[in-house]
């Protein structure tokens, strides 16, 4: 159940990050339309809202919100690192990449 919670939070913050023009253009080589950006943010909020009951189901009303807060912070950090440092790593690992 905790794994599902972490996956939901990572996907939610992935949608938040990819709704940003810079990150979207880096991954998809085009800027998102305003409608697409808004839709991605909405999906991110829905996934975060859905992850809260999952944490309650996993740990109950006493420790569930604490678990949810920790997972939200941890997944935000993971997505931040992935969005900002993964492209350079992937380009560096590409054998055809020349500097």
N, C-alpha and C. Protein backbone atom coordinates (compact mmCIF):
# COMPACT_ATOMS: atom_id res chain seq x y z
N UNK A 1 0.82 -1.19 0.00
CA UNK A 1 0.00 0.00 0.00
C UNK A 1 0.88 1.26 0.00
N UNK A 2 1.98 1.19 0.72
CA UNK A 2 2.89 2.34 0.75
C UNK A 2 3.55 2.55 -0.60
N UNK A 3 3.84 1.45 -1.28
CA UNK A 3 4.41 1.55 -2.63
C UNK A 3 3.45 2.22 -3.59
N UNK A 4 2.16 1.85 -3.50
CA UNK A 4 1.15 2.50 -4.33
C UNK A 4 1.06 3.98 -4.04
N UNK A 5 1.13 4.33 -2.77
CA UNK A 5 1.10 5.74 -2.38
C UNK A 5 2.28 6.50 -2.98
N UNK A 6 3.47 5.93 -2.91
CA UNK A 6 4.65 6.58 -3.47
C UNK A 6 4.53 6.73 -4.98
N UNK A 7 4.06 5.70 -5.66
CA UNK A 7 3.90 5.75 -7.11
C UNK A 7 2.89 6.82 -7.51
N UNK A 8 1.77 6.89 -6.79
CA UNK A 8 0.76 7.91 -7.09
C UNK A 8 1.33 9.32 -6.92
N UNK A 9 2.08 9.53 -5.86
CA UNK A 9 2.65 10.86 -5.61
C UNK A 9 3.71 11.21 -6.65
N UNK A 10 4.54 10.25 -7.04
CA UNK A 10 5.56 10.52 -8.06
C UNK A 10 4.89 10.86 -9.39
N UNK A 11 3.87 10.10 -9.77
CA UNK A 11 3.17 10.39 -11.02
C UNK A 11 2.51 11.76 -10.96
N UNK A 12 1.91 12.09 -9.81
CA UNK A 12 1.26 13.40 -9.66
C UNK A 12 2.27 14.53 -9.84
N UNK A 13 3.41 14.43 -9.18
CA UNK A 13 4.41 15.49 -9.32
C UNK A 13 5.07 15.45 -10.70
N UNK A 14 5.09 14.29 -11.33
CA UNK A 14 5.53 14.23 -12.71
C UNK A 14 4.63 15.04 -13.63
N UNK A 15 3.33 14.94 -13.41
CA UNK A 15 2.39 15.75 -14.18
C UNK A 15 2.57 17.23 -13.88
N UNK A 16 2.77 17.58 -12.61
CA UNK A 16 3.02 18.98 -12.27
C UNK A 16 4.26 19.50 -12.97
N UNK A 17 5.32 18.72 -12.93
CA UNK A 17 6.57 19.15 -13.55
C UNK A 17 6.46 19.26 -15.05
N UNK A 18 5.81 18.30 -15.69
CA UNK A 18 5.69 18.34 -17.15
C UNK A 18 4.68 19.37 -17.63
N UNK A 19 3.87 19.90 -16.74
CA UNK A 19 2.97 21.00 -17.11
C UNK A 19 3.75 22.30 -17.30
N UNK A 20 4.97 22.35 -16.75
CA UNK A 20 5.84 23.51 -16.91
C UNK A 20 6.37 23.56 -18.35
N UNK A 21 6.42 24.75 -18.92
CA UNK A 21 6.83 24.91 -20.32
C UNK A 21 8.25 24.41 -20.56
N UNK A 22 9.16 24.75 -19.68
CA UNK A 22 10.56 24.37 -19.87
C UNK A 22 10.76 22.86 -19.85
N UNK A 23 10.21 22.20 -18.84
CA UNK A 23 10.38 20.76 -18.73
C UNK A 23 9.64 20.03 -19.84
N UNK A 24 8.49 20.53 -20.22
CA UNK A 24 7.72 19.90 -21.29
C UNK A 24 8.49 19.99 -22.61
N UNK A 25 9.06 21.15 -22.87
CA UNK A 25 9.81 21.34 -24.11
C UNK A 25 11.07 20.47 -24.12
N UNK A 26 11.71 20.31 -22.98
CA UNK A 26 12.90 19.47 -22.89
C UNK A 26 12.57 18.02 -23.23
N UNK A 27 11.44 17.52 -22.76
CA UNK A 27 11.08 16.11 -22.98
C UNK A 27 10.41 15.86 -24.31
N UNK A 28 9.53 16.78 -24.74
CA UNK A 28 8.71 16.53 -25.92
C UNK A 28 9.05 17.43 -27.10
N UNK A 29 10.04 18.30 -26.94
CA UNK A 29 10.51 19.21 -27.99
C UNK A 29 9.42 20.14 -28.52
N UNK A 30 8.48 20.46 -27.68
CA UNK A 30 7.46 21.47 -28.00
C UNK A 30 6.85 21.97 -26.70
N UNK A 31 6.38 23.19 -26.74
CA UNK A 31 5.74 23.75 -25.55
C UNK A 31 4.32 23.24 -25.44
N UNK A 32 3.83 23.05 -24.23
CA UNK A 32 2.45 22.56 -24.10
C UNK A 32 1.46 23.68 -24.38
N UNK A 33 0.33 23.30 -24.92
CA UNK A 33 -0.73 24.29 -25.09
C UNK A 33 -1.28 24.64 -23.71
N UNK A 34 -1.91 25.79 -23.57
CA UNK A 34 -2.47 26.14 -22.25
C UNK A 34 -3.49 25.11 -21.75
N UNK A 35 -4.26 24.54 -22.68
CA UNK A 35 -5.25 23.53 -22.27
C UNK A 35 -4.55 22.27 -21.75
N UNK A 36 -3.50 21.86 -22.46
CA UNK A 36 -2.77 20.66 -22.04
C UNK A 36 -2.09 20.88 -20.69
N UNK A 37 -1.49 22.05 -20.51
CA UNK A 37 -0.84 22.37 -19.25
C UNK A 37 -1.85 22.36 -18.10
N UNK A 38 -3.01 22.94 -18.34
CA UNK A 38 -4.06 22.98 -17.32
C UNK A 38 -4.56 21.57 -17.00
N UNK A 39 -4.72 20.75 -18.03
CA UNK A 39 -5.17 19.37 -17.85
C UNK A 39 -4.15 18.57 -17.05
N UNK A 40 -2.88 18.77 -17.34
CA UNK A 40 -1.84 18.03 -16.61
C UNK A 40 -1.81 18.43 -15.14
N UNK A 41 -2.00 19.71 -14.87
CA UNK A 41 -2.04 20.16 -13.46
C UNK A 41 -3.26 19.57 -12.75
N UNK A 42 -4.39 19.54 -13.45
CA UNK A 42 -5.61 18.99 -12.85
C UNK A 42 -5.42 17.50 -12.54
N UNK A 43 -4.81 16.75 -13.45
CA UNK A 43 -4.55 15.33 -13.20
C UNK A 43 -3.62 15.16 -12.00
N UNK A 44 -2.62 16.03 -11.89
CA UNK A 44 -1.72 15.98 -10.74
C UNK A 44 -2.46 16.18 -9.42
N UNK A 45 -3.35 17.16 -9.39
CA UNK A 45 -4.13 17.40 -8.16
C UNK A 45 -5.06 16.24 -7.85
N UNK A 46 -5.66 15.65 -8.88
CA UNK A 46 -6.55 14.51 -8.66
C UNK A 46 -5.77 13.33 -8.09
N UNK A 47 -4.59 13.07 -8.64
CA UNK A 47 -3.78 11.97 -8.12
C UNK A 47 -3.33 12.22 -6.68
N UNK A 48 -2.96 13.47 -6.37
CA UNK A 48 -2.59 13.77 -4.98
C UNK A 48 -3.78 13.61 -4.04
N UNK A 49 -4.95 14.04 -4.49
CA UNK A 49 -6.15 13.88 -3.66
C UNK A 49 -6.49 12.41 -3.48
N UNK A 50 -6.30 11.61 -4.51
CA UNK A 50 -6.57 10.18 -4.40
C UNK A 50 -5.54 9.47 -3.52
N UNK A 51 -4.34 10.00 -3.45
CA UNK A 51 -3.31 9.35 -2.65
C UNK A 51 -3.56 9.50 -1.14
N UNK A 52 -4.30 10.53 -0.74
CA UNK A 52 -4.56 10.71 0.69
C UNK A 52 -5.38 9.56 1.28
N UNK A 53 -6.49 9.15 0.66
CA UNK A 53 -7.21 7.99 1.21
C UNK A 53 -6.38 6.70 1.20
N UNK A 54 -5.47 6.59 0.24
CA UNK A 54 -4.60 5.41 0.22
C UNK A 54 -3.72 5.39 1.46
N UNK A 55 -3.21 6.56 1.85
CA UNK A 55 -2.38 6.61 3.06
C UNK A 55 -3.20 6.34 4.31
N UNK A 56 -4.44 6.79 4.33
CA UNK A 56 -5.32 6.50 5.47
C UNK A 56 -5.59 5.00 5.55
N UNK A 57 -5.81 4.37 4.38
CA UNK A 57 -6.06 2.93 4.37
C UNK A 57 -4.82 2.16 4.81
N UNK A 58 -3.65 2.68 4.51
CA UNK A 58 -2.41 1.99 4.86
C UNK A 58 -2.08 2.10 6.35
N UNK A 59 -2.26 3.28 6.92
CA UNK A 59 -1.78 3.51 8.29
C UNK A 59 -2.85 3.98 9.27
N UNK A 60 -4.06 4.21 8.82
CA UNK A 60 -5.11 4.69 9.71
C UNK A 60 -5.09 6.21 9.84
N UNK A 61 -6.04 6.73 10.63
CA UNK A 61 -6.18 8.17 10.75
C UNK A 61 -5.10 8.82 11.60
N UNK A 62 -4.39 8.07 12.39
CA UNK A 62 -3.37 8.67 13.24
C UNK A 62 -2.07 8.89 12.46
N UNK A 63 -1.56 7.84 11.81
CA UNK A 63 -0.29 7.95 11.10
C UNK A 63 -0.44 8.12 9.60
N UNK A 64 -1.64 7.97 9.07
CA UNK A 64 -1.87 8.12 7.64
C UNK A 64 -1.50 9.50 7.10
N UNK A 65 -1.99 10.58 7.74
CA UNK A 65 -1.60 11.90 7.25
C UNK A 65 -0.10 12.18 7.37
N UNK A 66 0.54 11.61 8.38
CA UNK A 66 1.99 11.78 8.53
C UNK A 66 2.70 11.06 7.39
N UNK A 67 2.26 9.85 7.08
CA UNK A 67 2.83 9.09 5.97
C UNK A 67 2.61 9.84 4.65
N UNK A 68 1.41 10.37 4.46
CA UNK A 68 1.09 11.09 3.23
C UNK A 68 1.99 12.32 3.08
N UNK A 69 2.17 13.07 4.15
CA UNK A 69 3.03 14.26 4.09
C UNK A 69 4.47 13.88 3.74
N UNK A 70 4.96 12.82 4.34
CA UNK A 70 6.31 12.37 4.04
C UNK A 70 6.46 11.89 2.61
N UNK A 71 5.48 11.16 2.12
CA UNK A 71 5.53 10.67 0.73
C UNK A 71 5.43 11.82 -0.27
N UNK A 72 4.62 12.81 0.05
CA UNK A 72 4.50 13.97 -0.84
C UNK A 72 5.84 14.69 -0.94
N UNK A 73 6.49 14.89 0.20
CA UNK A 73 7.79 15.57 0.18
C UNK A 73 8.85 14.73 -0.53
N UNK A 74 8.89 13.44 -0.24
CA UNK A 74 9.89 12.57 -0.85
C UNK A 74 9.69 12.47 -2.36
N UNK A 75 8.45 12.30 -2.80
CA UNK A 75 8.19 12.17 -4.23
C UNK A 75 8.45 13.49 -4.96
N UNK A 76 8.17 14.61 -4.32
CA UNK A 76 8.48 15.90 -4.94
C UNK A 76 9.99 16.03 -5.14
N UNK A 77 10.77 15.59 -4.17
CA UNK A 77 12.22 15.63 -4.32
C UNK A 77 12.72 14.70 -5.41
N UNK A 78 12.14 13.52 -5.50
CA UNK A 78 12.54 12.56 -6.54
C UNK A 78 12.23 13.12 -7.93
N UNK A 79 11.04 13.67 -8.09
CA UNK A 79 10.66 14.22 -9.41
C UNK A 79 11.51 15.44 -9.73
N UNK A 80 11.80 16.27 -8.74
CA UNK A 80 12.67 17.42 -8.97
C UNK A 80 14.03 16.98 -9.50
N UNK A 81 14.61 15.98 -8.85
CA UNK A 81 15.91 15.48 -9.29
C UNK A 81 15.83 14.86 -10.68
N UNK A 82 14.78 14.12 -10.94
CA UNK A 82 14.62 13.49 -12.25
C UNK A 82 14.45 14.53 -13.36
N UNK A 83 13.64 15.53 -13.12
CA UNK A 83 13.38 16.53 -14.16
C UNK A 83 14.59 17.42 -14.42
N UNK A 84 15.39 17.65 -13.40
CA UNK A 84 16.51 18.57 -13.57
C UNK A 84 17.83 17.90 -13.92
N UNK A 85 18.02 16.67 -13.51
CA UNK A 85 19.32 16.04 -13.73
C UNK A 85 19.29 14.84 -14.66
N UNK A 86 18.15 14.23 -14.89
CA UNK A 86 18.09 13.06 -15.74
C UNK A 86 18.43 13.35 -17.20
N UNK A 87 18.01 14.48 -17.79
CA UNK A 87 18.36 14.71 -19.20
C UNK A 87 19.86 14.76 -19.42
N UNK A 88 20.61 15.39 -18.54
CA UNK A 88 22.06 15.44 -18.69
C UNK A 88 22.67 14.05 -18.54
N UNK A 89 22.14 13.26 -17.64
CA UNK A 89 22.65 11.91 -17.45
C UNK A 89 22.38 11.07 -18.69
N UNK A 90 21.19 11.18 -19.24
CA UNK A 90 20.83 10.39 -20.42
C UNK A 90 21.69 10.81 -21.60
N UNK A 91 21.91 12.11 -21.79
CA UNK A 91 22.76 12.57 -22.89
C UNK A 91 24.19 12.08 -22.69
N UNK A 92 24.66 12.05 -21.44
CA UNK A 92 26.02 11.61 -21.16
C UNK A 92 26.17 10.11 -21.43
N UNK A 93 25.12 9.32 -21.18
CA UNK A 93 25.18 7.89 -21.40
C UNK A 93 24.99 7.51 -22.87
N UNK A 94 24.49 8.41 -23.68
CA UNK A 94 24.27 8.13 -25.10
C UNK A 94 25.61 7.99 -25.80
N UNK A 95 25.90 6.83 -26.44
CA UNK A 95 27.20 6.65 -27.08
C UNK A 95 27.41 7.57 -28.28
N UNK A 96 26.34 8.02 -28.91
CA UNK A 96 26.47 8.90 -30.07
C UNK A 96 26.58 10.36 -29.70
N UNK A 97 26.49 10.69 -28.40
CA UNK A 97 26.54 12.09 -27.95
C UNK A 97 27.97 12.62 -28.01
N UNK A 98 28.12 13.76 -28.65
CA UNK A 98 29.44 14.41 -28.72
C UNK A 98 29.33 15.78 -28.06
N UNK A 99 30.32 16.13 -27.29
CA UNK A 99 30.29 17.41 -26.58
C UNK A 99 30.84 18.52 -27.44
